[in-house]
Structures are given as C-alpha cells and as structure tokens.
Amino acid sequence: MPRLVCFDLDNTLIDRDGAFLKWGRWWAELNGLGESAVEWLVAHDNGGFRPRAELFELARERFGLAAPVDELVASYDEEHPLFTWVEQPVLDGLAELRAAGWRVAVVTNGGTVQQNRKLEYTQIADSIDYACVSETVGVRKPDRRIFELAATHTGTTLDDGWMVGDHPSHDIAGGIAAGLHTIQIGNRHATGAPARDQRYVSGAPTPDHQFDSIVEVFPVILAG
C-alpha cells in the first residue's frame, strides 16, 4: 500500500504571511490608506488566527469603512488568494514524491473558499492527490479525524506516514497524536521576525525534524 504525506498549506507550502503583507499593501492603497494601515493589519492579523469577521470589524472602526463586515470578509476571501505564490522547487518536490509512489495530501485549517482558491491559484491543487480543508470536512487539526480523512481519500493509512507543517500544536502535536512522523517548518516574516509567537511556546512537542525551508523536507521523506 502507498504511504501518505500530509502537508499544511499556510506558511508551509506557501508563504501565507508574505501574501497577507502583499494583499495588505494593495488593500490599503485601494482604500486610500497609508503604510500605517498596512502595519496595523499585520499587527492585528495574528498570523491569520484572528477570525476574519473580528479583524474586519476592527478595521471598519479603525478606518471608517462603509462596507459591512460580511462583505469585507467575502471580498478578502476572493482577493487574498490572488497574492499567494508557490516556488517551483516546491511543486517539483511534490511531483517527485508522487512519482516515487507516495500519496500527497494538503491538510489545512481554514475556509473552503479561500483555501481552495489558494490551491488552485498556485497550482498546488494539480500537484497533490487530495486537499482536506477543515471548513469543508467539518473537523480541524489537531483532531486525528482530519488525518484519517486524508488517508481514506488517498487510499492509504496513517501507518509510517508524515505530517509537515509550521504550527506546533495543530501540525506537530496533531501529527504525533495521529501516529505520523513529523517535520516542522520554521517560516519567517519577510522582516525576519517569527511568523507567529504560537510557534515558540513552552512545552511544544518535538518533531522528528525541523527545517527552515520546505525544500529541505523532500529528500528526507524520499529517503525514508
């Protein structure tokens, strides 16, 4: 039976925080706001973990926006994915895994519209066997069931599989609890600051490997 590799999407296969910064600059210019608005957005984004309705409610108050919150969120879900990108070596690495007989799944917490648009826009959707988006399937990492769904939909089991991601609780602890080998990715903001403070909490689970770049992951898995 083929073996399974699960990848997180944001700040793992793609630089989600870098894309948010690019979107923020575009959005601020669109609304006639300055660089201080971009800094405010990044400061209040919480690495994507602040609920979008809450973020845009705060933005309406801060910048005097007329549009209702649900409209702002819906626009964001359509717009933000268009600022994402994937490096060609990442697509090449996914192709190498599949050519070697591995089944590849993206297991991501997030909304259906936005995550699917990211996968399609970056062409990652064409490079994997299955995408398991939490809002779509009704379960989130670190719940073991989301990894089991990825295995079921790829015709594999969790035995001797891998989970690769940046978040210690969602990706690493979740992967370990599911019986998967784990690799943590240490993405950074363009400024060099940690992608989010939650990655550096006391008592975080220890992955099998930790790399700064996703491209370092593929040779390790292929050698396993």
Foldseek 3Di string as FASTA:
>chain_A
DAAEEEEADDLFQWPLLQLLLVVQVVVCVVVVHDPVSSVVLSVPCQLVPDPQLVSVVVVCVVPVDDDHSVVVVVVCLVPSLLSIEGDPLSLVLLQVCVVLRHAYEYAYEDDPSNVVSNCVNHVVVVSHQYYQYCVVVVHAFLPLVSVQVSQVSRVHAQPAYEFEEAALRRTVVSNVVNVYQYEHEFEDDPVRHGSHPRSPDPPRDDGPYYYPHNSVVRVVVSVD
